[in-house]
Amino acid sequence: LVVLQTLAPAERVAFVLHDIFDLPFEEIAPVV
């Protein structure tokens, strides 16, 4: 949580959705 604070908003969202919740980038793309 501490290091996530250092990320830009779009980086944080893309990382959380893909690396933690395993969403494909095709679904993440419209979010960011």
PDB file of all heavy atoms in Angstrom:
ATOM      1  N   LEU A   1       0.824  -1.201   0.000  1.00  0.00           N
ATOM      2  CA  LEU A   1       0.000   0.000   0.000  1.00  0.00           C
ATOM      3  C   LEU A   1       0.864   1.259   0.000  1.00  0.00           C
ATOM      4  O   LEU A   1       0.552   2.246  -0.666  1.00  0.00           O
ATOM      5  CB  LEU A   1      -0.918   0.012   1.227  1.00  0.00           C
ATOM      6  CG  LEU A   1      -2.082  -0.977   1.209  1.00  0.00           C
ATOM      7  CD1 LEU A   1      -2.850  -0.904   2.523  1.00  0.00           C
ATOM      8  CD2 LEU A   1      -3.010  -0.688   0.043  1.00  0.00           C
ATOM      9  N   VAL A   2       1.957   1.219   0.746  1.00  0.00           N
ATOM     10  CA  VAL A   2       2.843   2.381   0.803  1.00  0.00           C
ATOM     11  C   VAL A   2       3.423   2.688  -0.566  1.00  0.00           C
ATOM     12  O   VAL A   2       3.399   3.826  -1.032  1.00  0.00           O
ATOM     13  CB  VAL A   2       3.983   2.160   1.826  1.00  0.00           C
ATOM     14  CG1 VAL A   2       5.024   3.265   1.711  1.00  0.00           C
ATOM     15  CG2 VAL A   2       3.414   2.136   3.236  1.00  0.00           C
ATOM     16  N   VAL A   3       3.958   1.672  -1.232  1.00  0.00           N
ATOM     17  CA  VAL A   3       4.613   1.931  -2.510  1.00  0.00           C
ATOM     18  C   VAL A   3       3.599   2.264  -3.600  1.00  0.00           C
ATOM     19  O   VAL A   3       3.888   3.020  -4.524  1.00  0.00           O
ATOM     20  CB  VAL A   3       5.517   0.751  -2.917  1.00  0.00           C
ATOM     21  CG1 VAL A   3       4.712  -0.408  -3.451  1.00  0.00           C
ATOM     22  CG2 VAL A   3       6.549   1.197  -3.952  1.00  0.00           C
ATOM     23  N   LEU A   4       2.372   1.733  -3.502  1.00  0.00           N
ATOM     24  CA  LEU A   4       1.349   2.085  -4.480  1.00  0.00           C
ATOM     25  C   LEU A   4       1.046   3.582  -4.452  1.00  0.00           C
ATOM     26  O   LEU A   4       0.645   4.165  -5.457  1.00  0.00           O
ATOM     27  CB  LEU A   4       0.064   1.289  -4.223  1.00  0.00           C
ATOM     28  CG  LEU A   4       0.060  -0.174  -4.658  1.00  0.00           C
ATOM     29  CD1 LEU A   4      -1.257  -0.844  -4.270  1.00  0.00           C
ATOM     30  CD2 LEU A   4       0.301  -0.314  -6.145  1.00  0.00           C
ATOM     31  N   GLN A   5       1.259   4.203  -3.295  1.00  0.00           N
ATOM     32  CA  GLN A   5       1.016   5.637  -3.188  1.00  0.00           C
ATOM     33  C   GLN A   5       1.944   6.440  -4.084  1.00  0.00           C
ATOM     34  O   GLN A   5       1.651   7.584  -4.429  1.00  0.00           O
ATOM     35  CB  GLN A   5       1.194   6.098  -1.736  1.00  0.00           C
ATOM     36  CG  GLN A   5       0.175   5.524  -0.775  1.00  0.00           C
ATOM     37  CD  GLN A   5       0.507   5.854   0.659  1.00  0.00           C
ATOM     38  OE1 GLN A   5       1.304   6.749   0.948  1.00  0.00           O
ATOM     39  NE2 GLN A   5      -0.102   5.134   1.583  1.00  0.00           N
ATOM     40  N   THR A   6       3.073   5.866  -4.452  1.00  0.00           N
ATOM     41  CA  THR A   6       4.047   6.608  -5.265  1.00  0.00           C
ATOM     42  C   THR A   6       3.735   6.529  -6.757  1.00  0.00           C
ATOM     43  O   THR A   6       4.393   7.200  -7.552  1.00  0.00           O
ATOM     44  CB  THR A   6       5.471   6.056  -5.024  1.00  0.00           C
ATOM     45  OG1 THR A   6       5.582   4.751  -5.610  1.00  0.00           O
ATOM     46  CG2 THR A   6       5.785   5.982  -3.534  1.00  0.00           C
ATOM     47  N   LEU A   7       2.760   5.720  -7.148  1.00  0.00           N
ATOM     48  CA  LEU A   7       2.452   5.548  -8.565  1.00  0.00           C
ATOM     49  C   LEU A   7       1.476   6.602  -9.059  1.00  0.00           C
ATOM     50  O   LEU A   7       0.650   7.105  -8.302  1.00  0.00           O
ATOM     51  CB  LEU A   7       1.848   4.161  -8.807  1.00  0.00           C
ATOM     52  CG  LEU A   7       2.663   2.951  -8.371  1.00  0.00           C
ATOM     53  CD1 LEU A   7       1.877   1.674  -8.653  1.00  0.00           C
ATOM     54  CD2 LEU A   7       4.010   2.911  -9.061  1.00  0.00           C
ATOM     55  N   ALA A   8       1.561   6.907 -10.350  1.00  0.00           N
ATOM     56  CA  ALA A   8       0.562   7.765 -10.977  1.00  0.00           C
ATOM     57  C   ALA A   8      -0.775   7.032 -10.974  1.00  0.00           C
ATOM     58  O   ALA A   8      -0.812   5.792 -10.983  1.00  0.00           O
ATOM     59  CB  ALA A   8       0.986   8.101 -12.406  1.00  0.00           C
ATOM     60  N   PRO A   9      -1.915   7.764 -10.954  1.00  0.00           N
ATOM     61  CA  PRO A   9      -3.223   7.106 -10.868  1.00  0.00           C
ATOM     62  C   PRO A   9      -3.442   6.006 -11.893  1.00  0.00           C
ATOM     63  O   PRO A   9      -3.881   4.900 -11.541  1.00  0.00           O
ATOM     64  CB  PRO A   9      -4.203   8.268 -11.068  1.00  0.00           C
ATOM     65  CG  PRO A   9      -3.484   9.450 -10.496  1.00  0.00           C
ATOM     66  CD  PRO A   9      -2.048   9.234 -10.877  1.00  0.00           C
ATOM     67  N   ALA A  10      -3.157   6.257 -13.165  1.00  0.00           N
ATOM     68  CA  ALA A  10      -3.399   5.247 -14.195  1.00  0.00           C
ATOM     69  C   ALA A  10      -2.486   4.037 -14.001  1.00  0.00           C
ATOM     70  O   ALA A  10      -2.898   2.890 -14.239  1.00  0.00           O
ATOM     71  CB  ALA A  10      -3.199   5.843 -15.581  1.00  0.00           C
ATOM     72  N   GLU A  11      -1.237   4.256 -13.569  1.00  0.00           N
ATOM     73  CA  GLU A  11      -0.324   3.145 -13.295  1.00  0.00           C
ATOM     74  C   GLU A  11      -0.868   2.279 -12.168  1.00  0.00           C
ATOM     75  O   GLU A  11      -0.844   1.050 -12.230  1.00  0.00           O
ATOM     76  CB  GLU A  11       1.051   3.679 -12.901  1.00  0.00           C
ATOM     77  CG  GLU A  11       1.828   4.346 -14.009  1.00  0.00           C
ATOM     78  CD  GLU A  11       3.143   4.917 -13.523  1.00  0.00           C
ATOM     79  OE1 GLU A  11       3.312   5.095 -12.295  1.00  0.00           O
ATOM     80  OE2 GLU A  11       4.008   5.205 -14.368  1.00  0.00           O
ATOM     81  N   ARG A  12      -1.356   2.930 -11.142  1.00  0.00           N
ATOM     82  CA  ARG A  12      -1.864   2.218  -9.981  1.00  0.00           C
ATOM     83  C   ARG A  12      -3.060   1.349 -10.348  1.00  0.00           C
ATOM     84  O   ARG A  12      -3.148   0.178  -9.958  1.00  0.00           O
ATOM     85  CB  ARG A  12      -2.257   3.239  -8.912  1.00  0.00           C
ATOM     86  CG  ARG A  12      -2.636   2.656  -7.573  1.00  0.00           C
ATOM     87  CD  ARG A  12      -2.674   3.757  -6.546  1.00  0.00           C
ATOM     88  NE  ARG A  12      -3.018   3.268  -5.236  1.00  0.00           N
ATOM     89  CZ  ARG A  12      -2.901   3.979  -4.122  1.00  0.00           C
ATOM     90  NH1 ARG A  12      -2.429   5.200  -4.176  1.00  0.00           N
ATOM     91  NH2 ARG A  12      -3.255   3.475  -2.961  1.00  0.00           N
ATOM     92  N   VAL A  13      -3.981   1.918 -11.123  1.00  0.00           N
ATOM     93  CA  VAL A  13      -5.173   1.176 -11.524  1.00  0.00           C
ATOM     94  C   VAL A  13      -4.804  -0.006 -12.416  1.00  0.00           C
ATOM     95  O   VAL A  13      -5.281  -1.131 -12.224  1.00  0.00           O
ATOM     96  CB  VAL A  13      -6.172   2.110 -12.231  1.00  0.00           C
ATOM     97  CG1 VAL A  13      -7.297   1.309 -12.880  1.00  0.00           C
ATOM     98  CG2 VAL A  13      -6.743   3.116 -11.239  1.00  0.00           C
ATOM     99  N   ALA A  14      -3.933   0.227 -13.396  1.00  0.00           N
ATOM    100  CA  ALA A  14      -3.538  -0.844 -14.309  1.00  0.00           C
ATOM    101  C   ALA A  14      -2.833  -1.967 -13.557  1.00  0.00           C
ATOM    102  O   ALA A  14      -3.083  -3.162 -13.803  1.00  0.00           O
ATOM    103  CB  ALA A  14      -2.630  -0.283 -15.409  1.00  0.00           C
ATOM    104  N   PHE A  15      -1.955  -1.624 -12.635  1.00  0.00           N
ATOM    105  CA  PHE A  15      -1.230  -2.634 -11.867  1.00  0.00           C
ATOM    106  C   PHE A  15      -2.181  -3.440 -10.988  1.00  0.00           C
ATOM    107  O   PHE A  15      -2.115  -4.682 -10.955  1.00  0.00           O
ATOM    108  CB  PHE A  15      -0.155  -1.971 -11.004  1.00  0.00           C
ATOM    109  CG  PHE A  15       0.530  -2.919 -10.061  1.00  0.00           C
ATOM    110  CD1 PHE A  15       1.547  -3.744 -10.511  1.00  0.00           C
ATOM    111  CD2 PHE A  15       0.143  -3.004  -8.729  1.00  0.00           C
ATOM    112  CE1 PHE A  15       2.176  -4.641  -9.645  1.00  0.00           C
ATOM    113  CE2 PHE A  15       0.755  -3.894  -7.861  1.00  0.00           C
ATOM    114  CZ  PHE A  15       1.778  -4.710  -8.322  1.00  0.00           C
ATOM    115  N   VAL A  16      -3.042  -2.772 -10.254  1.00  0.00           N
ATOM    116  CA  VAL A  16      -3.946  -3.469  -9.343  1.00  0.00           C
ATOM    117  C   VAL A  16      -4.878  -4.399 -10.107  1.00  0.00           C
ATOM    118  O   VAL A  16      -5.058  -5.565  -9.743  1.00  0.00           O
ATOM    119  CB  VAL A  16      -4.753  -2.452  -8.504  1.00  0.00           C
ATOM    120  CG1 VAL A  16      -5.882  -3.152  -7.756  1.00  0.00           C
ATOM    121  CG2 VAL A  16      -3.843  -1.748  -7.505  1.00  0.00           C
ATOM    122  N   LEU A  17      -5.466  -3.895 -11.189  1.00  0.00           N
ATOM    123  CA  LEU A  17      -6.424  -4.706 -11.937  1.00  0.00           C
ATOM    124  C   LEU A  17      -5.759  -5.919 -12.587  1.00  0.00           C
ATOM    125  O   LEU A  17      -6.323  -7.009 -12.602  1.00  0.00           O
ATOM    126  CB  LEU A  17      -7.125  -3.863 -13.003  1.00  0.00           C
ATOM    127  CG  LEU A  17      -8.101  -2.813 -12.484  1.00  0.00           C
ATOM    128  CD1 LEU A  17      -8.717  -2.045 -13.649  1.00  0.00           C
ATOM    129  CD2 LEU A  17      -9.196  -3.442 -11.625  1.00  0.00           C
ATOM    130  N   HIS A  18      -4.543  -5.732 -13.125  1.00  0.00           N
ATOM    131  CA  HIS A  18      -3.895  -6.850 -13.819  1.00  0.00           C
ATOM    132  C   HIS A  18      -3.125  -7.750 -12.877  1.00  0.00           C
ATOM    133  O   HIS A  18      -3.344  -8.970 -12.838  1.00  0.00           O
ATOM    134  CB  HIS A  18      -2.952  -6.329 -14.906  1.00  0.00           C
ATOM    135  CG  HIS A  18      -2.305  -7.440 -15.680  1.00  0.00           C
ATOM    136  ND1 HIS A  18      -1.065  -7.953 -15.328  1.00  0.00           N
ATOM    137  CD2 HIS A  18      -2.735  -8.166 -16.737  1.00  0.00           C
ATOM    138  CE1 HIS A  18      -0.759  -8.932 -16.160  1.00  0.00           C
ATOM    139  NE2 HIS A  18      -1.750  -9.088 -17.024  1.00  0.00           N
ATOM    140  N   ASP A  19      -2.195  -7.194 -12.100  1.00  0.00           N
ATOM    141  CA  ASP A  19      -1.290  -8.032 -11.312  1.00  0.00           C
ATOM    142  C   ASP A  19      -1.952  -8.626 -10.075  1.00  0.00           C
ATOM    143  O   ASP A  19      -1.535  -9.687  -9.600  1.00  0.00           O
ATOM    144  CB  ASP A  19      -0.062  -7.230 -10.901  1.00  0.00           C
ATOM    145  CG  ASP A  19       0.915  -7.053 -12.051  1.00  0.00           C
ATOM    146  OD1 ASP A  19       0.476  -6.733 -13.158  1.00  0.00           O
ATOM    147  OD2 ASP A  19       2.113  -7.252 -11.839  1.00  0.00           O
ATOM    148  N   ILE A  20      -2.964  -7.956  -9.544  1.00  0.00           N
ATOM    149  CA  ILE A  20      -3.597  -8.461  -8.328  1.00  0.00           C
ATOM    150  C   ILE A  20      -4.913  -9.176  -8.630  1.00  0.00           C
ATOM    151  O   ILE A  20      -5.215 -10.213  -8.047  1.00  0.00           O
ATOM    152  CB  ILE A  20      -3.815  -7.316  -7.314  1.00  0.00           C
ATOM    153  CG1 ILE A  20      -2.454  -6.727  -6.896  1.00  0.00           C
ATOM    154  CG2 ILE A  20      -4.565  -7.814  -6.079  1.00  0.00           C
ATOM    155  CD1 ILE A  20      -2.537  -5.590  -5.930  1.00  0.00           C
ATOM    156  N   PHE A  21      -5.692  -8.619  -9.588  1.00  0.00           N
ATOM    157  CA  PHE A  21      -7.000  -9.206  -9.878  1.00  0.00           C
ATOM    158  C   PHE A  21      -7.056  -9.892 -11.238  1.00  0.00           C
ATOM    159  O   PHE A  21      -8.113 -10.362 -11.650  1.00  0.00           O
ATOM    160  CB  PHE A  21      -8.089  -8.136  -9.763  1.00  0.00           C
ATOM    161  CG  PHE A  21      -8.307  -7.689  -8.344  1.00  0.00           C
ATOM    162  CD1 PHE A  21      -7.743  -6.509  -7.879  1.00  0.00           C
ATOM    163  CD2 PHE A  21      -9.037  -8.469  -7.467  1.00  0.00           C
ATOM    164  CE1 PHE A  21      -7.924  -6.106  -6.574  1.00  0.00           C
ATOM    165  CE2 PHE A  21      -9.223  -8.075  -6.149  1.00  0.00           C
ATOM    166  CZ  PHE A  21      -8.663  -6.892  -5.696  1.00  0.00           C
ATOM    167  N   ASP A  22      -5.931  -9.933 -11.931  1.00  0.00           N
ATOM    168  CA  ASP A  22      -5.796 -10.761 -13.138  1.00  0.00           C
ATOM    169  C   ASP A  22      -6.772 -10.390 -14.252  1.00  0.00           C
ATOM    170  O   ASP A  22      -7.196 -11.247 -15.024  1.00  0.00           O
ATOM    171  CB  ASP A  22      -5.952 -12.240 -12.777  1.00  0.00           C
ATOM    172  CG  ASP A  22      -5.293 -13.161 -13.799  1.00  0.00           C
ATOM    173  OD1 ASP A  22      -4.313 -12.722 -14.428  1.00  0.00           O
ATOM    174  OD2 ASP A  22      -5.757 -14.294 -13.967  1.00  0.00           O
ATOM    175  N   LEU A  23      -7.123  -9.110 -14.367  1.00  0.00           N
ATOM    176  CA  LEU A  23      -7.954  -8.681 -15.479  1.00  0.00           C
ATOM    177  C   LEU A  23      -7.101  -8.538 -16.729  1.00  0.00           C
ATOM    178  O   LEU A  23      -5.962  -8.066 -16.654  1.00  0.00           O
ATOM    179  CB  LEU A  23      -8.637  -7.346 -15.182  1.00  0.00           C
ATOM    180  CG  LEU A  23     -10.083  -7.417 -14.673  1.00  0.00           C
ATOM    181  CD1 LEU A  23     -10.112  -8.034 -13.280  1.00  0.00           C
ATOM    182  CD2 LEU A  23     -10.711  -6.036 -14.660  1.00  0.00           C
ATOM    183  N   PRO A  24      -7.612  -8.921 -17.886  1.00  0.00           N
ATOM    184  CA  PRO A  24      -6.840  -8.756 -19.130  1.00  0.00           C
ATOM    185  C   PRO A  24      -6.738  -7.282 -19.503  1.00  0.00           C
ATOM    186  O   PRO A  24      -7.612  -6.473 -19.172  1.00  0.00           O
ATOM    187  CB  PRO A  24      -7.665  -9.541 -20.158  1.00  0.00           C
ATOM    188  CG  PRO A  24      -9.047  -9.560 -19.613  1.00  0.00           C
ATOM    189  CD  PRO A  24      -8.909  -9.597 -18.115  1.00  0.00           C
ATOM    190  N   PHE A  25      -5.682  -6.947 -20.228  1.00  0.00           N
ATOM    191  CA  PHE A  25      -5.460  -5.544 -20.590  1.00  0.00           C
ATOM    192  C   PHE A  25      -6.540  -5.009 -21.527  1.00  0.00           C
ATOM    193  O   PHE A  25      -6.786  -3.806 -21.557  1.00  0.00           O
ATOM    194  CB  PHE A  25      -4.070  -5.380 -21.210  1.00  0.00           C
ATOM    195  CG  PHE A  25      -2.961  -5.532 -20.217  1.00  0.00           C
ATOM    196  CD1 PHE A  25      -2.089  -6.609 -20.278  1.00  0.00           C
ATOM    197  CD2 PHE A  25      -2.788  -4.607 -19.201  1.00  0.00           C
ATOM    198  CE1 PHE A  25      -1.071  -6.759 -19.348  1.00  0.00           C
ATOM    199  CE2 PHE A  25      -1.772  -4.742 -18.268  1.00  0.00           C
ATOM    200  CZ  PHE A  25      -0.915  -5.824 -18.342  1.00  0.00           C
ATOM    201  N   GLU A  26      -7.195  -5.893 -22.250  1.00  0.00           N
ATOM    202  CA  GLU A  26      -8.287  -5.458 -23.114  1.00  0.00           C
ATOM    203  C   GLU A  26      -9.436  -4.888 -22.295  1.00  0.00           C
ATOM    204  O   GLU A  26     -10.147  -3.986 -22.750  1.00  0.00           O
ATOM    205  CB  GLU A  26      -8.783  -6.630 -23.970  1.00  0.00           C
ATOM    206  CG  GLU A  26      -7.818  -7.069 -25.059  1.00  0.00           C
ATOM    207  CD  GLU A  26      -6.621  -7.841 -24.514  1.00  0.00           C
ATOM    208  OE1 GLU A  26      -6.686  -8.310 -23.349  1.00  0.00           O
ATOM    209  OE2 GLU A  26      -5.620  -7.978 -25.252  1.00  0.00           O
ATOM    210  N   GLU A  27      -9.627  -5.376 -21.060  1.00  0.00           N
ATOM    211  CA  GLU A  27     -10.666  -4.856 -20.185  1.00  0.00           C
ATOM    212  C   GLU A  27     -10.178  -3.657 -19.382  1.00  0.00           C
ATOM    213  O   GLU A  27     -10.972  -2.792 -18.994  1.00  0.00           O
ATOM    214  CB  GLU A  27     -11.159  -5.953 -19.241  1.00  0.00           C
ATOM    215  CG  GLU A  27     -11.876  -7.091 -19.948  1.00  0.00           C
ATOM    216  CD  GLU A  27     -12.406  -8.132 -18.974  1.00  0.00           C
ATOM    217  OE1 GLU A  27     -12.600  -7.793 -17.792  1.00  0.00           O
ATOM    218  OE2 GLU A  27     -12.622  -9.282 -19.397  1.00  0.00           O
ATOM    219  N   ILE A  28      -8.885  -3.612 -19.123  1.00  0.00           N
ATOM    220  CA  ILE A  28      -8.318  -2.491 -18.368  1.00  0.00           C
ATOM    221  C   ILE A  28      -8.237  -1.235 -19.222  1.00  0.00           C
ATOM    222  O   ILE A  28      -8.406  -0.112 -18.732  1.00  0.00           O
ATOM    223  CB  ILE A  28      -6.916  -2.868 -17.837  1.00  0.00           C
ATOM    224  CG1 ILE A  28      -7.032  -4.042 -16.855  1.00  0.00           C
ATOM    225  CG2 ILE A  28      -6.231  -1.679 -17.165  1.00  0.00           C
ATOM    226  CD1 ILE A  28      -5.692  -4.624 -16.448  1.00  0.00           C
ATOM    227  N   ALA A  29      -7.987  -1.416 -20.519  1.00  0.00           N
ATOM    228  CA  ALA A  29      -7.780  -0.289 -21.429  1.00  0.00           C
ATOM    229  C   ALA A  29      -8.881   0.769 -21.351  1.00  0.00           C
ATOM    230  O   ALA A  29      -8.580   1.967 -21.179  1.00  0.00           O
ATOM    231  CB  ALA A  29      -7.618  -0.795 -22.864  1.00  0.00           C
ATOM    232  N   PRO A  30     -10.179   0.403 -21.454  1.00  0.00           N
ATOM    233  CA  PRO A  30     -11.200   1.450 -21.384  1.00  0.00           C
ATOM    234  C   PRO A  30     -11.303   2.116 -20.018  1.00  0.00           C
ATOM    235  O   PRO A  30     -11.736   3.266 -19.911  1.00  0.00           O
ATOM    236  CB  PRO A  30     -12.493   0.691 -21.732  1.00  0.00           C
ATOM    237  CG  PRO A  30     -12.207  -0.740 -21.477  1.00  0.00           C
ATOM    238  CD  PRO A  30     -10.760  -0.922 -21.772  1.00  0.00           C
ATOM    239  N   VAL A  31     -10.889   1.426 -18.963  1.00  0.00           N
ATOM    240  CA  VAL A  31     -10.929   2.020 -17.625  1.00  0.00           C
ATOM    241  C   VAL A  31      -9.951   3.182 -17.526  1.00  0.00           C
ATOM    242  O   VAL A  31     -10.272   4.251 -17.005  1.00  0.00           O
ATOM    243  CB  VAL A  31     -10.613   0.960 -16.547  1.00  0.00           C
ATOM    244  CG1 VAL A  31     -10.555   1.614 -15.166  1.00  0.00           C
ATOM    245  CG2 VAL A  31     -11.639  -0.155 -16.570  1.00  0.00           C
ATOM    246  N   VAL A  32      -8.735   2.975 -18.035  1.00  0.00           N
ATOM    247  CA  VAL A  32      -7.698   4.013 -17.943  1.00  0.00           C
ATOM    248  C   VAL A  32      -7.688   4.933 -19.163  1.00  0.00           C
ATOM    249  O   VAL A  32      -6.879   5.858 -19.237  1.00  0.00           O
ATOM    250  CB  VAL A  32      -6.299   3.391 -17.739  1.00  0.00           C
ATOM    251  CG1 VAL A  32      -6.233   2.658 -16.407  1.00  0.00           C
ATOM    252  CG2 VAL A  32      -5.928   2.450 -18.883  1.00  0.00           C
TER     253      VAL A  32
END
